[in-house]
PDB file of N, CA and C in Angstrom:
ATOM      1  N   UNK A   1     123.891  99.120 139.961  1.00  0.00           N
ATOM      2  CA  UNK A   1     123.051  97.949 140.208  1.00  0.00           C
ATOM      3  C   UNK A   1     123.830  96.859 140.949  1.00  0.00           C
ATOM      4  N   UNK A   2     125.052  96.579 140.514  1.00  0.00           N
ATOM      5  CA  UNK A   2     125.846  95.544 141.179  1.00  0.00           C
ATOM      6  C   UNK A   2     126.110  95.914 142.634  1.00  0.00           C
ATOM      7  N   UNK A   3     126.373  97.216 142.907  1.00  0.00           N
ATOM      8  CA  UNK A   3     126.601  97.634 144.281  1.00  0.00           C
ATOM      9  C   UNK A   3     125.363  97.458 145.137  1.00  0.00           C
ATOM     10  N   UNK A   4     124.175  97.722 144.551  1.00  0.00           N
ATOM     11  CA  UNK A   4     122.932  97.488 145.283  1.00  0.00           C
ATOM     12  C   UNK A   4     122.792  96.022 145.649  1.00  0.00           C
ATOM     13  N   UNK A   5     123.046  95.149 144.687  1.00  0.00           N
ATOM     14  CA  UNK A   5     122.927  93.716 144.944  1.00  0.00           C
ATOM     15  C   UNK A   5     123.964  93.254 145.951  1.00  0.00           C
ATOM     16  N   UNK A   6     125.168  93.764 145.811  1.00  0.00           N
ATOM     17  CA  UNK A   6     126.213  93.410 146.767  1.00  0.00           C
ATOM     18  C   UNK A   6     125.832  93.873 148.164  1.00  0.00           C
ATOM     19  N   UNK A   7     125.261  95.065 148.263  1.00  0.00           N
ATOM     20  CA  UNK A   7     124.886  95.538 149.586  1.00  0.00           C
ATOM     21  C   UNK A   7     123.763  94.688 150.173  1.00  0.00           C
ATOM     22  N   UNK A   8     122.895  94.159 149.336  1.00  0.00           N
ATOM     23  CA  UNK A   8     121.846  93.259 149.826  1.00  0.00           C
ATOM     24  C   UNK A   8     122.483  92.004 150.412  1.00  0.00           C
ATOM     25  N   UNK A   9     123.447  91.449 149.721  1.00  0.00           N
ATOM     26  CA  UNK A   9     124.117  90.251 150.237  1.00  0.00           C
ATOM     27  C   UNK A   9     124.912  90.566 151.509  1.00  0.00           C
ATOM     28  N   UNK A  10     125.558  91.720 151.538  1.00  0.00           N
ATOM     29  CA  UNK A  10     126.287  92.119 152.745  1.00  0.00           C
ATOM     30  C   UNK A  10     125.327  92.299 153.915  1.00  0.00           C
ATOM     31  N   UNK A  11     124.204  92.966 153.672  1.00  0.00           N
ATOM     32  CA  UNK A  11     123.198  93.149 154.729  1.00  0.00           C
ATOM     33  C   UNK A  11     122.655  91.806 155.198  1.00  0.00           C
ATOM     34  N   UNK A  12     122.389  90.911 154.260  1.00  0.00           N
ATOM     35  CA  UNK A  12     121.898  89.582 154.624  1.00  0.00           C
ATOM     36  C   UNK A  12     122.917  88.860 155.498  1.00  0.00           C
ATOM     37  N   UNK A  13     124.185  88.896 155.081  1.00  0.00           N
ATOM     38  CA  UNK A  13     125.215  88.204 155.863  1.00  0.00           C
ATOM     39  C   UNK A  13     125.336  88.813 157.255  1.00  0.00           C
ATOM     40  N   UNK A  14     125.290  90.132 157.343  1.00  0.00           N
ATOM     41  CA  UNK A  14     125.357  90.792 158.655  1.00  0.00           C
ATOM     42  C   UNK A  14     124.172  90.407 159.532  1.00  0.00           C
ATOM     43  N   UNK A  15     123.002  90.287 158.927  1.00  0.00           N
ATOM     44  CA  UNK A  15     121.811  89.850 159.672  1.00  0.00           C
ATOM     45  C   UNK A  15     121.991  88.420 160.155  1.00  0.00           C
ATOM     46  N   UNK A  16     122.498  87.559 159.289  1.00  0.00           N
ATOM     47  CA  UNK A  16     122.758  86.167 159.673  1.00  0.00           C
ATOM     48  C   UNK A  16     123.714  86.131 160.856  1.00  0.00           C
ATOM     49  N   UNK A  17     124.800  86.887 160.774  1.00  0.00           N
ATOM     50  CA  UNK A  17     125.767  86.942 161.883  1.00  0.00           C
ATOM     51  C   UNK A  17     125.094  87.384 163.181  1.00  0.00           C
ATOM     52  N   UNK A  18     124.220  88.375 163.093  1.00  0.00           N
ATOM     53  CA  UNK A  18     123.566  88.891 164.298  1.00  0.00           C
ATOM     54  C   UNK A  18     122.622  87.872 164.919  1.00  0.00           C
ATOM     55  N   UNK A  19     122.139  86.947 164.134  1.00  0.00           N
ATOM     56  CA  UNK A  19     121.203  85.938 164.638  1.00  0.00           C
ATOM     57  C   UNK A  19     121.876  84.918 165.550  1.00  0.00           C
ATOM     58  N   UNK A  20     123.197  84.895 165.573  1.00  0.00           N
ATOM     59  CA  UNK A  20     123.916  84.004 166.489  1.00  0.00           C
ATOM     60  C   UNK A  20     123.559  84.317 167.938  1.00  0.00           C
ATOM     61  N   UNK A  21     123.155  85.564 168.183  1.00  0.00           N
ATOM     62  CA  UNK A  21     122.840  86.006 169.539  1.00  0.00           C
ATOM     63  C   UNK A  21     121.355  85.940 169.863  1.00  0.00           C
ATOM     64  N   UNK A  22     120.539  85.494 168.922  1.00  0.00           N
ATOM     65  CA  UNK A  22     119.081  85.495 169.106  1.00  0.00           C
ATOM     66  C   UNK A  22     118.582  84.180 169.696  1.00  0.00           C
ATOM     67  N   UNK A  23     117.385  84.251 170.194  1.00  0.00           N
ATOM     68  CA  UNK A  23     116.699  83.068 170.689  1.00  0.00           C
ATOM     69  C   UNK A  23     116.284  82.185 169.516  1.00  0.00           C
ATOM     70  N   UNK A  24     116.370  80.903 169.720  1.00  0.00           N
ATOM     71  CA  UNK A  24     115.949  79.966 168.671  1.00  0.00           C
ATOM     72  C   UNK A  24     114.436  80.017 168.461  1.00  0.00           C
ATOM     73  N   UNK A  25     113.720  80.543 169.429  1.00  0.00           N
ATOM     74  CA  UNK A  25     112.273  80.680 169.292  1.00  0.00           C
ATOM     75  C   UNK A  25     111.896  81.910 168.475  1.00  0.00           C
ATOM     76  N   UNK A  26     112.841  82.831 168.321  1.00  0.00           N
ATOM     77  CA  UNK A  26     112.580  84.069 167.592  1.00  0.00           C
ATOM     78  C   UNK A  26     113.178  84.072 166.194  1.00  0.00           C
ATOM     79  N   UNK A  27     114.098  83.162 165.923  1.00  0.00           N
ATOM     80  CA  UNK A  27     114.847  83.244 164.669  1.00  0.00           C
ATOM     81  C   UNK A  27     115.113  81.856 164.090  1.00  0.00           C
ATOM     82  N   UNK A  28     114.691  81.687 162.847  1.00  0.00           N
ATOM     83  CA  UNK A  28     114.991  80.451 162.122  1.00  0.00           C
ATOM     84  C   UNK A  28     116.503  80.283 161.975  1.00  0.00           C
ATOM     85  N   UNK A  29     117.189  81.376 161.685  1.00  0.00           N
ATOM     86  CA  UNK A  29     118.648  81.315 161.536  1.00  0.00           C
ATOM     87  C   UNK A  29     119.299  80.867 162.828  1.00  0.00           C
ATOM     88  N   UNK A  30     118.852  81.419 163.950  1.00  0.00           N
ATOM     89  CA  UNK A  30     119.396  81.015 165.248  1.00  0.00           C
ATOM     90  C   UNK A  30     119.154  79.529 165.499  1.00  0.00           C
ATOM     91  N   UNK A  31     117.996  79.046 165.065  1.00  0.00           N
ATOM     92  CA  UNK A  31     117.708  77.620 165.261  1.00  0.00           C
ATOM     93  C   UNK A  31     118.641  76.760 164.414  1.00  0.00           C
ATOM     94  N   UNK A  32     118.992  77.225 163.220  1.00  0.00           N
ATOM     95  CA  UNK A  32     119.963  76.487 162.404  1.00  0.00           C
ATOM     96  C   UNK A  32     121.319  76.446 163.099  1.00  0.00           C
ATOM     97  N   UNK A  33     121.772  77.591 163.610  1.00  0.00           N
ATOM     98  CA  UNK A  33     123.047  77.623 164.337  1.00  0.00           C
ATOM     99  C   UNK A  33     123.017  76.659 165.517  1.00  0.00           C
ATOM    100  N   UNK A  34     121.908  76.627 166.243  1.00  0.00           N
ATOM    101  CA  UNK A  34     121.790  75.759 167.414  1.00  0.00           C
ATOM    102  C   UNK A  34     121.811  74.280 167.037  1.00  0.00           C
ATOM    103  N   UNK A  35     121.284  73.953 165.857  1.00  0.00           N
ATOM    104  CA  UNK A  35     121.257  72.559 165.414  1.00  0.00           C
ATOM    105  C   UNK A  35     122.624  72.060 164.977  1.00  0.00           C
ATOM    106  N   UNK A  36     123.499  72.961 164.597  1.00  0.00           N
ATOM    107  CA  UNK A  36     124.868  72.590 164.289  1.00  0.00           C
ATOM    108  C   UNK A  36     125.149  72.320 162.821  1.00  0.00           C
ATOM    109  N   UNK A  37     126.393  71.958 162.595  1.00  0.00           N
ATOM    110  CA  UNK A  37     126.924  71.797 161.240  1.00  0.00           C
ATOM    111  C   UNK A  37     126.165  70.774 160.411  1.00  0.00           C
ATOM    112  N   UNK A  38     125.862  69.631 160.974  1.00  0.00           N
ATOM    113  CA  UNK A  38     125.183  68.580 160.197  1.00  0.00           C
ATOM    114  C   UNK A  38     123.830  69.074 159.673  1.00  0.00           C
ATOM    115  N   UNK A  39     123.081  69.756 160.507  1.00  0.00           N
ATOM    116  CA  UNK A  39     121.771  70.263 160.087  1.00  0.00           C
ATOM    117  C   UNK A  39     121.914  71.335 159.013  1.00  0.00           C
ATOM    118  N   UNK A  40     122.916  72.184 159.178  1.00  0.00           N
ATOM    119  CA  UNK A  40     123.126  73.251 158.202  1.00  0.00           C
ATOM    120  C   UNK A  40     123.556  72.670 156.861  1.00  0.00           C
ATOM    121  N   UNK A  41     124.485  71.731 156.866  1.00  0.00           N
ATOM    122  CA  UNK A  41     124.927  71.144 155.590  1.00  0.00           C
ATOM    123  C   UNK A  41     123.808  70.334 154.948  1.00  0.00           C
ATOM    124  N   UNK A  42     122.995  69.679 155.744  1.00  0.00           N
ATOM    125  CA  UNK A  42     121.821  68.983 155.184  1.00  0.00           C
ATOM    126  C   UNK A  42     120.907  69.970 154.480  1.00  0.00           C
ATOM    127  N   UNK A  43     120.719  71.132 155.077  1.00  0.00           N
ATOM    128  CA  UNK A  43     119.844  72.149 154.494  1.00  0.00           C
ATOM    129  C   UNK A  43     120.441  72.689 153.193  1.00  0.00           C
ATOM    130  N   UNK A  44     121.752  72.902 153.165  1.00  0.00           N
ATOM    131  CA  UNK A  44     122.406  73.367 151.935  1.00  0.00           C
ATOM    132  C   UNK A  44     122.227  72.333 150.833  1.00  0.00           C
ATOM    133  N   UNK A  45     122.415  71.063 151.160  1.00  0.00           N
ATOM    134  CA  UNK A  45     122.235  70.009 150.152  1.00  0.00           C
ATOM    135  C   UNK A  45     120.790  69.927 149.674  1.00  0.00           C
ATOM    136  N   UNK A  46     119.855  70.065 150.592  1.00  0.00           N
ATOM    137  CA  UNK A  46     118.434  70.061 150.227  1.00  0.00           C
ATOM    138  C   UNK A  46     118.128  71.211 149.271  1.00  0.00           C
ATOM    139  N   UNK A  47     118.626  72.393 149.607  1.00  0.00           N
ATOM    140  CA  UNK A  47     118.361  73.560 148.766  1.00  0.00           C
ATOM    141  C   UNK A  47     119.041  73.430 147.405  1.00  0.00           C
ATOM    142  N   UNK A  48     120.241  72.878 147.361  1.00  0.00           N
ATOM    143  CA  UNK A  48     120.923  72.671 146.072  1.00  0.00           C
ATOM    144  C   UNK A  48     120.122  71.720 145.192  1.00  0.00           C
ATOM    145  N   UNK A  49     119.579  70.690 145.794  1.00  0.00           N
ATOM    146  CA  UNK A  49     118.739  69.746 145.061  1.00  0.00           C
ATOM    147  C   UNK A  49     117.486  70.434 144.527  1.00  0.00           C
ATOM    148  N   UNK A  50     116.888  71.294 145.341  1.00  0.00           N
ATOM    149  CA  UNK A  50     115.688  72.017 144.910  1.00  0.00           C
ATOM    150  C   UNK A  50     116.007  72.990 143.777  1.00  0.00           C
ATOM    151  N   UNK A  51     117.199  73.570 143.787  1.00  0.00           N
ATOM    152  CA  UNK A  51     117.613  74.445 142.685  1.00  0.00           C
ATOM    153  C   UNK A  51     117.700  73.648 141.390  1.00  0.00           C
ATOM    154  N   UNK A  52     118.324  72.486 141.452  1.00  0.00           N
ATOM    155  CA  UNK A  52     118.458  71.647 140.255  1.00  0.00           C
ATOM    156  C   UNK A  52     117.097  71.199 139.742  1.00  0.00           C
ATOM    157  N   UNK A  53     116.236  70.814 140.651  1.00  0.00           N
ATOM    158  CA  UNK A  53     114.884  70.399 140.268  1.00  0.00           C
ATOM    159  C   UNK A  53     114.124  71.562 139.623  1.00  0.00           C
ATOM    160  N   UNK A  54     114.213  72.733 140.226  1.00  0.00           N
ATOM    161  CA  UNK A  54     113.516  73.904 139.681  1.00  0.00           C
ATOM    162  C   UNK A  54     114.067  74.287 138.313  1.00  0.00           C
ATOM    163  N   UNK A  55     115.364  74.129 138.131  1.00  0.00           N
ATOM    164  CA  UNK A  55     115.969  74.462 136.832  1.00  0.00           C
ATOM    165  C   UNK A  55     115.416  73.581 135.730  1.00  0.00           C
ATOM    166  N   UNK A  56     115.072  72.365 136.081  1.00  0.00           N
ATOM    167  CA  UNK A  56     114.591  71.411 135.083  1.00  0.00           C
ATOM    168  C   UNK A  56     113.090  71.460 134.840  1.00  0.00           C
ATOM    169  N   UNK A  57     112.311  71.822 135.860  1.00  0.00           N
ATOM    170  CA  UNK A  57     110.859  71.672 135.687  1.00  0.00           C
ATOM    171  C   UNK A  57     110.019  72.881 136.085  1.00  0.00           C
ATOM    172  N   UNK A  58     110.642  73.936 136.597  1.00  0.00           N
ATOM    173  CA  UNK A  58     109.848  75.044 137.128  1.00  0.00           C
ATOM    174  C   UNK A  58     110.008  76.307 136.299  1.00  0.00           C
ATOM    175  N   UNK A  59     109.253  77.311 136.709  1.00  0.00           N
ATOM    176  CA  UNK A  59     109.325  78.614 136.068  1.00  0.00           C
ATOM    177  C   UNK A  59     110.589  79.350 136.495  1.00  0.00           C
ATOM    178  N   UNK A  60     110.916  80.383 135.764  1.00  0.00           N
ATOM    179  CA  UNK A  60     112.060  81.226 136.105  1.00  0.00           C
ATOM    180  C   UNK A  60     111.899  81.795 137.508  1.00  0.00           C
ATOM    181  N   UNK A  61     110.704  82.273 137.848  1.00  0.00           N
ATOM    182  CA  UNK A  61     110.465  82.849 139.173  1.00  0.00           C
ATOM    183  C   UNK A  61     110.701  81.833 140.288  1.00  0.00           C
ATOM    184  N   UNK A  62     110.291  80.599 140.065  1.00  0.00           N
ATOM    185  CA  UNK A  62     110.507  79.574 141.088  1.00  0.00           C
ATOM    186  C   UNK A  62     111.995  79.247 141.222  1.00  0.00           C
ATOM    187  N   UNK A  63     112.704  79.218 140.111  1.00  0.00           N
ATOM    188  CA  UNK A  63     114.151  78.983 140.157  1.00  0.00           C
ATOM    189  C   UNK A  63     114.836  80.106 140.932  1.00  0.00           C
ATOM    190  N   UNK A  64     114.446  81.340 140.691  1.00  0.00           N
ATOM    191  CA  UNK A  64     115.016  82.476 141.424  1.00  0.00           C
ATOM    192  C   UNK A  64     114.765  82.312 142.925  1.00  0.00           C
ATOM    193  N   UNK A  65     113.553  81.913 143.285  1.00  0.00           N
ATOM    194  CA  UNK A  65     113.199  81.684 144.685  1.00  0.00           C
ATOM    195  C   UNK A  65     114.115  80.620 145.311  1.00  0.00           C
ATOM    196  N   UNK A  66     114.307  79.521 144.600  1.00  0.00           N
ATOM    197  CA  UNK A  66     115.148  78.436 145.121  1.00  0.00           C
ATOM    198  C   UNK A  66     116.611  78.847 145.189  1.00  0.00           C
ATOM    199  N   UNK A  67     117.083  79.616 144.206  1.00  0.00           N
ATOM    200  CA  UNK A  67     118.461  80.113 144.248  1.00  0.00           C
ATOM    201  C   UNK A  67     118.675  81.017 145.460  1.00  0.00           C
ATOM    202  N   UNK A  68     117.685  81.854 145.756  1.00  0.00           N
ATOM    203  CA  UNK A  68     117.784  82.719 146.938  1.00  0.00           C
ATOM    204  C   UNK A  68     117.879  81.888 148.217  1.00  0.00           C
ATOM    205  N   UNK A  69     117.098  80.815 148.291  1.00  0.00           N
ATOM    206  CA  UNK A  69     117.189  79.920 149.455  1.00  0.00           C
ATOM    207  C   UNK A  69     118.578  79.300 149.570  1.00  0.00           C
ATOM    208  N   UNK A  70     119.140  78.887 148.438  1.00  0.00           N
ATOM    209  CA  UNK A  70     120.478  78.287 148.455  1.00  0.00           C
ATOM    210  C   UNK A  70     121.528  79.310 148.876  1.00  0.00           C
ATOM    211  N   UNK A  71     121.435  80.537 148.360  1.00  0.00           N
ATOM    212  CA  UNK A  71     122.372  81.589 148.767  1.00  0.00           C
ATOM    213  C   UNK A  71     122.286  81.786 150.274  1.00  0.00           C
ATOM    214  N   UNK A  72     121.061  81.940 150.775  1.00  0.00           N
ATOM    215  CA  UNK A  72     120.860  82.176 152.206  1.00  0.00           C
ATOM    216  C   UNK A  72     121.484  81.055 153.046  1.00  0.00           C
ATOM    217  N   UNK A  73     121.152  79.808 152.736  1.00  0.00           N
ATOM    218  CA  UNK A  73     121.655  78.701 153.542  1.00  0.00           C
ATOM    219  C   UNK A  73     123.168  78.536 153.395  1.00  0.00           C
ATOM    220  N   UNK A  74     123.720  78.875 152.241  1.00  0.00           N
ATOM    221  CA  UNK A  74     125.175  78.843 152.062  1.00  0.00           C
ATOM    222  C   UNK A  74     125.840  79.904 152.934  1.00  0.00           C
ATOM    223  N   UNK A  75     125.208  81.063 153.045  1.00  0.00           N
ATOM    224  CA  UNK A  75     125.746  82.107 153.912  1.00  0.00           C
ATOM    225  C   UNK A  75     125.635  81.731 155.386  1.00  0.00           C
ATOM    226  N   UNK A  76     124.581  81.027 155.754  1.00  0.00           N
ATOM    227  CA  UNK A  76     124.472  80.517 157.131  1.00  0.00           C
ATOM    228  C   UNK A  76     125.636  79.566 157.412  1.00  0.00           C
ATOM    229  N   UNK A  77     125.927  78.695 156.466  1.00  0.00           N
ATOM    230  CA  UNK A  77     127.052  77.765 156.626  1.00  0.00           C
ATOM    231  C   UNK A  77     128.363  78.524 156.783  1.00  0.00           C
ATOM    232  N   UNK A  78     128.574  79.517 155.941  1.00  0.00           N
ATOM    233  CA  UNK A  78     129.799  80.314 156.038  1.00  0.00           C
ATOM    234  C   UNK A  78     129.914  80.968 157.411  1.00  0.00           C
ATOM    235  N   UNK A  79     128.839  81.584 157.872  1.00  0.00           N
ATOM    236  CA  UNK A  79     128.858  82.245 159.180  1.00  0.00           C
ATOM    237  C   UNK A  79     129.118  81.239 160.293  1.00  0.00           C
ATOM    238  N   UNK A  80     128.512  80.069 160.196  1.00  0.00           N
ATOM    239  CA  UNK A  80     128.710  79.035 161.213  1.00  0.00           C
ATOM    240  C   UNK A  80     130.179  78.623 161.288  1.00  0.00           C
ATOM    241  N   UNK A  81     130.821  78.562 160.124  1.00  0.00           N
ATOM    242  CA  UNK A  81     132.224  78.135 160.064  1.00  0.00           C
ATOM    243  C   UNK A  81     133.206  79.285 160.284  1.00  0.00           C
ATOM    244  N   UNK A  82     132.688  80.483 160.602  1.00  0.00           N
ATOM    245  CA  UNK A  82     133.559  81.613 160.902  1.00  0.00           C
ATOM    246  C   UNK A  82     134.148  82.288 159.673  1.00  0.00           C
ATOM    247  N   UNK A  83     133.555  82.049 158.527  1.00  0.00           N
ATOM    248  CA  UNK A  83     134.003  82.683 157.293  1.00  0.00           C
ATOM    249  C   UNK A  83     133.284  84.025 157.170  1.00  0.00           C
ATOM    250  N   UNK A  84     134.027  85.058 156.857  1.00  0.00           N
ATOM    251  CA  UNK A  84     133.462  86.392 156.681  1.00  0.00           C
ATOM    252  C   UNK A  84     133.031  86.569 155.228  1.00  0.00           C
ATOM    253  N   UNK A  85     131.998  87.375 155.014  1.00  0.00           N
ATOM    254  CA  UNK A  85     131.515  87.635 153.662  1.00  0.00           C
ATOM    255  C   UNK A  85     132.622  88.248 152.816  1.00  0.00           C
ATOM    256  N   UNK A  86     133.437  89.085 153.417  1.00  0.00           N
ATOM    257  CA  UNK A  86     134.545  89.713 152.677  1.00  0.00           C
ATOM    258  C   UNK A  86     135.521  88.662 152.153  1.00  0.00           C
ATOM    259  N   UNK A  87     135.672  87.549 152.841  1.00  0.00           N
ATOM    260  CA  UNK A  87     136.549  86.478 152.370  1.00  0.00           C
ATOM    261  C   UNK A  87     135.967  85.795 151.125  1.00  0.00           C
ATOM    262  N   UNK A  88     134.655  85.646 151.103  1.00  0.00           N
ATOM    263  CA  UNK A  88     133.996  85.062 149.926  1.00  0.00           C
ATOM    264  C   UNK A  88     134.127  86.017 148.750  1.00  0.00           C
ATOM    265  N   UNK A  89     133.870  87.307 149.007  1.00  0.00           N
ATOM    266  CA  UNK A  89     134.011  88.310 147.949  1.00  0.00           C
ATOM    267  C   UNK A  89     135.439  88.346 147.413  1.00  0.00           C
ATOM    268  N   UNK A  90     136.424  88.260 148.308  1.00  0.00           N
ATOM    269  CA  UNK A  90     137.828  88.289 147.888  1.00  0.00           C
ATOM    270  C   UNK A  90     138.160  87.088 147.010  1.00  0.00           C
ATOM    271  N   UNK A  91     137.642  85.928 147.371  1.00  0.00           N
ATOM    272  CA  UNK A  91     137.888  84.728 146.556  1.00  0.00           C
ATOM    273  C   UNK A  91     137.273  84.879 145.174  1.00  0.00           C
ATOM    274  N   UNK A  92     136.048  85.385 145.128  1.00  0.00           N
ATOM    275  CA  UNK A  92     135.410  85.604 143.826  1.00  0.00           C
ATOM    276  C   UNK A  92     136.167  86.648 143.010  1.00  0.00           C
ATOM    277  N   UNK A  93     136.592  87.734 143.655  1.00  0.00           N
ATOM    278  CA  UNK A  93     137.354  88.781 142.966  1.00  0.00           C
ATOM    279  C   UNK A  93     138.670  88.228 142.436  1.00  0.00           C
ATOM    280  N   UNK A  94     139.294  87.348 143.183  1.00  0.00           N
ATOM    281  CA  UNK A  94     140.561  86.735 142.787  1.00  0.00           C
ATOM    282  C   UNK A  94     140.411  85.904 141.512  1.00  0.00           C
ATOM    283  N   UNK A  95     139.214  85.425 141.270  1.00  0.00           N
ATOM    284  CA  UNK A  95     138.979  84.582 140.099  1.00  0.00           C
ATOM    285  C   UNK A  95     138.752  85.379 138.819  1.00  0.00           C
ATOM    286  N   UNK A  96     138.453  86.676 138.947  1.00  0.00           N
ATOM    287  CA  UNK A  96     138.263  87.500 137.761  1.00  0.00           C
ATOM    288  C   UNK A  96     139.559  87.568 136.975  1.00  0.00           C
ATOM    289  N   UNK A  97     139.442  87.506 135.667  1.00  0.00           N
ATOM    290  CA  UNK A  97     140.615  87.596 134.809  1.00  0.00           C
ATOM    291  C   UNK A  97     141.333  86.278 134.620  1.00  0.00           C
ATOM    292  N   UNK A  98     140.819  85.226 135.234  1.00  0.00           N
ATOM    293  CA  UNK A  98     141.399  83.898 135.075  1.00  0.00           C
ATOM    294  C   UNK A  98     140.426  83.028 134.305  1.00  0.00           C
ATOM    295  N   UNK A  99     140.966  82.195 133.503  1.00  0.00           N
ATOM    296  CA  UNK A  99     140.134  81.206 132.821  1.00  0.00           C
ATOM    297  C   UNK A  99     139.595  80.233 133.850  1.00  0.00           C
ATOM    298  N   UNK A 100     138.319  79.945 133.763  1.00  0.00           N
ATOM    299  CA  UNK A 100     137.738  78.955 134.665  1.00  0.00           C
ATOM    300  C   UNK A 100     138.398  77.596 134.528  1.00  0.00           C
ATOM    301  N   UNK A 101     138.768  77.244 133.323  1.00  0.00           N
ATOM    302  CA  UNK A 101     139.445  75.959 133.101  1.00  0.00           C
ATOM    303  C   UNK A 101     140.832  75.957 133.732  1.00  0.00           C
ATOM    304  N   UNK A 102     141.566  77.067 133.588  1.00  0.00           N
ATOM    305  CA  UNK A 102     142.898  77.155 134.189  1.00  0.00           C
ATOM    306  C   UNK A 102     142.809  77.139 135.713  1.00  0.00           C
ATOM    307  N   UNK A 103     141.831  77.861 136.255  1.00  0.00           N
ATOM    308  CA  UNK A 103     141.660  77.905 137.708  1.00  0.00           C
ATOM    309  C   UNK A 103     141.349  76.518 138.250  1.00  0.00           C
ATOM    310  N   UNK A 104     140.478  75.804 137.559  1.00  0.00           N
ATOM    311  CA  UNK A 104     140.125  74.458 137.998  1.00  0.00           C
ATOM    312  C   UNK A 104     141.330  73.527 137.914  1.00  0.00           C
ATOM    313  N   UNK A 105     142.108  73.628 136.859  1.00  0.00           N
ATOM    314  CA  UNK A 105     143.304  72.794 136.711  1.00  0.00           C
ATOM    315  C   UNK A 105     144.307  73.091 137.816  1.00  0.00           C
ATOM    316  N   UNK A 106     144.440  74.360 138.233  1.00  0.00           N
ATOM    317  CA  UNK A 106     145.379  74.696 139.300  1.00  0.00           C
ATOM    318  C   UNK A 106     144.922  74.118 140.631  1.00  0.00           C
ATOM    319  N   UNK A 107     143.602  74.044 140.840  1.00  0.00           N
ATOM    320  CA  UNK A 107     143.087  73.427 142.070  1.00  0.00           C
ATOM    321  C   UNK A 107     143.414  71.950 142.100  1.00  0.00           C
ATOM    322  N   UNK A 108     143.281  71.280 140.982  1.00  0.00           N
ATOM    323  CA  UNK A 108     143.562  69.848 140.928  1.00  0.00           C
ATOM    324  C   UNK A 108     145.036  69.575 141.227  1.00  0.00           C
ATOM    325  N   UNK A 109     145.942  70.430 140.768  1.00  0.00           N
ATOM    326  CA  UNK A 109     147.367  70.254 141.036  1.00  0.00           C
ATOM    327  C   UNK A 109     147.669  70.475 142.516  1.00  0.00           C
ATOM    328  N   UNK A 110     146.990  71.434 143.154  1.00  0.00           N
ATOM    329  CA  UNK A 110     147.199  71.719 144.578  1.00  0.00           C
ATOM    330  C   UNK A 110     146.761  70.546 145.453  1.00  0.00           C
ATOM    331  N   UNK A 111     145.771  69.784 144.999  1.00  0.00           N
ATOM    332  CA  UNK A 111     145.224  68.692 145.796  1.00  0.00           C
ATOM    333  C   UNK A 111     146.074  67.426 145.706  1.00  0.00           C
ATOM    334  N   UNK A 112     146.952  67.349 144.700  1.00  0.00           N
ATOM    335  CA  UNK A 112     147.789  66.139 144.526  1.00  0.00           C
ATOM    336  C   UNK A 112     148.850  66.017 145.563  1.00  0.00           C
TER     337      UNK A 112
END
């Protein structure tokens, strides 16, 4: 099951990457790329807000819908910034076996 879900995310990311070459009239993703970083980050923030709102007042199905939108727009941002899906997977894999509290504390020390 996890491999199926992972392959869905990989396929989605590959599709997003391919949209860089599409017409903005044919692809919503291409239009986001054409609008640039500010538009993409605005969309990610909008979707994150909608996820929080849905978590508080909506059904489970609506929350799932909003989470999918946030995943999609986050992947568009990653592709725009030249981040590969494998890099995101590697970062997540690197976090396995670590305490979330310890990982967060190590980030705070790196930023000082």
